[in-house]
Amino acid sequence: MTASVAEILLQEKIAVIATDTLYGIVGRALSKSVVERIYEVKGRDENKPFIILIPSIETLKEFGIVLSESEKEKAEALWPGAVTIILPLPQETQKQFSYLHRRTNTLAFRMPNKRELIDLLKETGPLVAPSANPQGKSPAITIEEARSYFGDMVDHYEDAGDVESEPSTIICLEKGEVAVIRQGAARIV
C-alpha cells in the first residue's frame, strides 16, 4: 500500500483499498462528513452501520468501549482476523457516535490480519470499511470493477490485484456471550 493512501485518508478523502477480506471503500470513522459521503457514494441504506477497522483492542476506548476481562479474552482469541465483533456503545457515547451506529447503539469492529493494513490504521485511526460495491451489487474483486462502480466519486484507488474472499464473519459479543450473526471467512462454531 502506498504511503499516499494514509495522506489521502488524513485529508478527509475516501479510497478503495484491499482489506484482508475484500476490496473496501474506506474513510476515517471519526469524521462524520467522511462517513456520510461513503453512505452517499455506496447508495447504502442509512440504517445499516458500517464495519470499523481498528489496529488494536485499545482503539475501542476511543469509542468509550471498555471490555470486561472475559470479553477481552474472547476478542483476543478472534483477532486479528476475519471476524467482526458487534459491541454495545456505552450510553455516554451513543449521541456522539450516532452517525456511526445508525440508531442501533452498537458498533461493529474488526482488527484485520494484514500487517500493512494495521500500519495504515495506526497512521489514520479507525476506518469505516464497507465492501467496494453499491448496495445490491456484488463486491468488486478487481480495482477496475470498483472504478466502474464509483468512477470519480472516490478520491483514490489502490490496486492490489484480484481480491476474492468471503466477507468477515460477524458476531455479537454482549455480557460475555457470543452469537454468530453472519458466517463468513472465519468459521465460528
Protein backbone atom coordinates (compact mmCIF):
# COMPACT_ATOMS: atom_id res chain seq x y z
CA MET A 1 0.00 0.00 0.00
CA THR A 2 1.45 3.35 -0.94
CA ALA A 3 2.26 5.96 1.69
CA SER A 4 -0.06 8.32 -0.15
CA VAL A 5 -3.11 6.29 0.96
CA ALA A 6 -2.63 7.46 4.57
CA GLU A 7 -2.12 11.05 3.41
CA ILE A 8 -5.27 10.90 1.28
CA LEU A 9 -7.36 9.49 4.12
CA LEU A 10 -5.98 12.03 6.61
CA GLN A 11 -7.22 14.76 4.24
CA GLU A 12 -10.79 13.52 4.84
CA LYS A 13 -10.93 11.77 1.46
CA ILE A 14 -12.08 8.24 0.62
CA ALA A 15 -10.29 5.38 -1.12
CA VAL A 16 -10.86 1.87 -2.40
CA ILE A 17 -8.22 -0.48 -0.99
CA ALA A 18 -7.84 -4.21 -0.43
CA THR A 19 -8.66 -5.15 3.14
CA ASP A 20 -7.81 -8.61 4.45
CA THR A 21 -11.12 -9.94 3.09
CA LEU A 22 -12.42 -7.84 0.16
CA TYR A 23 -11.85 -4.52 -1.56
CA GLY A 24 -13.36 -1.90 0.71
CA ILE A 25 -14.34 1.72 0.27
CA VAL A 26 -12.63 3.30 3.26
CA GLY A 27 -12.59 6.58 5.13
CA ARG A 28 -11.92 7.89 8.62
CA ALA A 29 -14.50 6.61 11.09
CA LEU A 30 -14.07 9.62 13.37
CA SER A 31 -15.16 12.02 10.61
CA LYS A 32 -18.94 12.31 10.31
CA SER A 33 -18.69 14.01 6.90
CA VAL A 34 -16.50 11.21 5.51
CA VAL A 35 -18.85 8.52 6.81
CA GLU A 36 -21.88 10.31 5.32
CA ARG A 37 -20.07 10.65 2.00
CA ILE A 38 -19.44 6.90 1.86
CA TYR A 39 -23.14 6.22 2.52
CA GLU A 40 -23.95 8.50 -0.41
CA VAL A 41 -21.34 7.01 -2.76
CA LYS A 42 -22.46 3.43 -1.99
CA GLY A 43 -26.17 4.28 -2.08
CA ARG A 44 -26.35 2.35 1.18
CA ASP A 45 -29.39 2.05 3.41
CA GLU A 46 -28.80 4.75 6.02
CA ASN A 47 -29.95 2.38 8.80
CA LYS A 48 -27.16 -0.15 8.15
CA PRO A 49 -23.97 0.65 10.11
CA PHE A 50 -20.53 0.12 8.60
CA ILE A 51 -17.81 -2.16 9.90
CA ILE A 52 -14.96 -0.21 11.52
CA LEU A 53 -11.38 -1.43 11.10
CA ILE A 54 -9.14 -0.89 14.14
CA PRO A 55 -5.42 -1.50 14.71
CA SER A 56 -5.73 -2.76 18.32
CA ILE A 57 -8.18 -3.59 21.09
CA GLU A 58 -7.08 -0.40 22.87
CA THR A 59 -8.66 1.59 20.00
CA LEU A 60 -12.10 0.63 21.34
CA LYS A 61 -11.54 3.17 24.13
CA GLU A 62 -11.78 5.96 21.51
CA PHE A 63 -15.46 4.97 21.26
CA GLY A 64 -15.90 4.74 25.04
CA ILE A 65 -15.92 0.93 24.96
CA VAL A 66 -14.14 -0.91 27.76
CA LEU A 67 -14.27 -4.69 27.58
CA SER A 68 -14.63 -6.89 30.63
CA GLU A 69 -11.77 -9.33 31.19
CA SER A 70 -13.75 -12.23 29.67
CA GLU A 71 -14.84 -10.12 26.66
CA LYS A 72 -11.22 -9.06 26.11
CA GLU A 73 -10.07 -12.69 26.21
CA LYS A 74 -12.70 -13.65 23.61
CA ALA A 75 -11.76 -10.71 21.36
CA GLU A 76 -8.04 -11.56 21.65
CA ALA A 77 -8.82 -15.16 20.65
CA LEU A 78 -10.63 -13.94 17.49
CA TRP A 79 -8.43 -11.00 16.47
CA PRO A 80 -6.61 -10.26 14.32
CA GLY A 81 -8.66 -11.98 11.66
CA ALA A 82 -11.77 -12.04 9.52
CA VAL A 83 -14.15 -11.68 12.46
CA THR A 84 -16.26 -8.59 13.05
CA ILE A 85 -17.43 -8.13 16.62
CA ILE A 86 -20.55 -6.09 17.36
CA LEU A 87 -20.26 -4.32 20.70
CA PRO A 88 -22.74 -2.16 22.61
CA LEU A 89 -21.86 1.52 22.95
CA PRO A 90 -21.97 2.97 26.44
CA GLN A 91 -24.82 5.41 26.89
CA GLU A 92 -22.43 8.35 27.31
CA THR A 93 -21.04 7.96 23.75
CA GLN A 94 -24.22 6.97 21.90
CA LYS A 95 -25.10 10.52 20.86
CA GLN A 96 -21.52 11.35 19.80
CA PHE A 97 -21.35 8.29 17.52
CA SER A 98 -24.95 8.27 16.26
CA TYR A 99 -23.65 8.87 12.71
CA LEU A 100 -21.84 5.50 13.04
CA HIS A 101 -24.32 3.36 14.97
CA ARG A 102 -27.41 4.50 12.98
CA ARG A 103 -29.86 4.08 15.89
CA THR A 104 -28.54 0.62 16.84
CA ASN A 105 -26.43 1.80 19.82
CA THR A 106 -23.84 -0.79 18.79
CA LEU A 107 -20.75 -0.66 16.61
CA ALA A 108 -19.11 -3.42 14.56
CA PHE A 109 -15.31 -3.66 14.79
CA ARG A 110 -12.70 -5.79 13.03
CA MET A 111 -8.97 -5.98 13.59
CA PRO A 112 -7.58 -7.13 10.23
CA ASN A 113 -4.90 -9.77 9.88
CA LYS A 114 -2.76 -7.87 7.39
CA ARG A 115 0.36 -6.05 8.59
CA GLU A 116 0.28 -3.21 6.05
CA LEU A 117 -3.38 -2.55 6.83
CA ILE A 118 -2.66 -2.43 10.58
CA ASP A 119 0.19 0.02 9.84
CA LEU A 120 -2.20 2.18 7.80
CA LEU A 121 -4.74 2.15 10.65
CA LYS A 122 -2.05 3.24 13.11
CA GLU A 123 -1.47 6.29 10.89
CA THR A 124 -5.07 7.16 10.06
CA GLY A 125 -7.01 5.93 13.06
CA PRO A 126 -10.10 3.74 12.73
CA LEU A 127 -11.57 3.41 9.22
CA VAL A 128 -15.07 2.52 8.11
CA ALA A 129 -14.64 -0.19 5.50
CA PRO A 130 -17.77 -1.44 3.77
CA SER A 131 -17.23 -3.62 0.72
CA ALA A 132 -16.50 -1.76 -2.53
CA ASN A 133 -19.85 -2.07 -4.26
CA PRO A 134 -23.09 -0.14 -4.48
CA GLN A 135 -25.83 -1.62 -2.32
CA GLY A 136 -27.36 -4.63 -4.07
CA LYS A 137 -24.34 -5.32 -6.33
CA SER A 138 -21.57 -7.91 -5.88
CA PRO A 139 -18.39 -6.77 -4.13
CA ALA A 140 -15.66 -5.63 -6.55
CA ILE A 141 -12.94 -8.26 -6.96
CA THR A 142 -10.72 -6.04 -9.15
CA ILE A 143 -9.84 -2.39 -8.92
CA GLU A 144 -11.28 -1.94 -12.43
CA GLU A 145 -14.62 -3.25 -11.23
CA ALA A 146 -14.53 -0.82 -8.28
CA ARG A 147 -13.75 2.03 -10.70
CA SER A 148 -16.68 1.03 -12.89
CA TYR A 149 -18.95 1.20 -9.83
CA PHE A 150 -17.75 4.53 -8.42
CA GLY A 151 -15.74 6.41 -11.06
CA ASP A 152 -14.58 9.81 -9.80
CA MET A 153 -16.85 9.69 -6.72
CA VAL A 154 -13.89 8.01 -4.95
CA ASP A 155 -10.68 10.00 -4.46
CA HIS A 156 -8.15 7.16 -4.77
CA TYR A 157 -7.98 3.56 -5.95
CA GLU A 158 -5.18 1.29 -4.71
CA ASP A 159 -4.72 -1.73 -6.98
CA ALA A 160 -3.87 -4.97 -5.16
CA GLY A 161 -4.72 -7.35 -7.97
CA ASP A 162 -7.73 -9.65 -7.78
CA VAL A 163 -9.17 -9.83 -4.28
CA GLU A 164 -11.78 -12.51 -3.90
CA SER A 165 -12.71 -13.81 -0.49
CA GLU A 166 -15.69 -14.28 1.73
CA PRO A 167 -16.71 -11.30 3.83
CA SER A 168 -15.90 -11.36 7.53
CA THR A 169 -17.84 -13.45 9.99
CA ILE A 170 -19.97 -11.18 12.18
CA ILE A 171 -20.60 -12.00 15.81
CA CYS A 172 -22.30 -10.19 18.63
CA LEU A 173 -20.46 -10.07 21.94
CA GLU A 174 -22.56 -8.90 24.84
CA LYS A 175 -22.26 -9.80 28.50
CA GLY A 176 -19.66 -12.43 27.60
CA GLU A 177 -21.94 -14.32 25.22
CA VAL A 178 -21.06 -14.90 21.55
CA ALA A 179 -23.77 -15.13 18.89
CA VAL A 180 -22.94 -15.61 15.19
CA ILE A 181 -24.87 -13.06 13.09
CA ARG A 182 -23.28 -13.88 9.69
CA GLN A 183 -20.99 -16.81 8.92
CA GLY A 184 -18.19 -15.64 6.66
CA ALA A 185 -14.48 -16.19 6.10
CA ALA A 186 -13.77 -17.27 9.69
CA ARG A 187 -15.55 -20.38 10.92
CA ILE A 188 -17.00 -19.97 14.40
CA VAL A 189 -18.79 -22.89 15.98
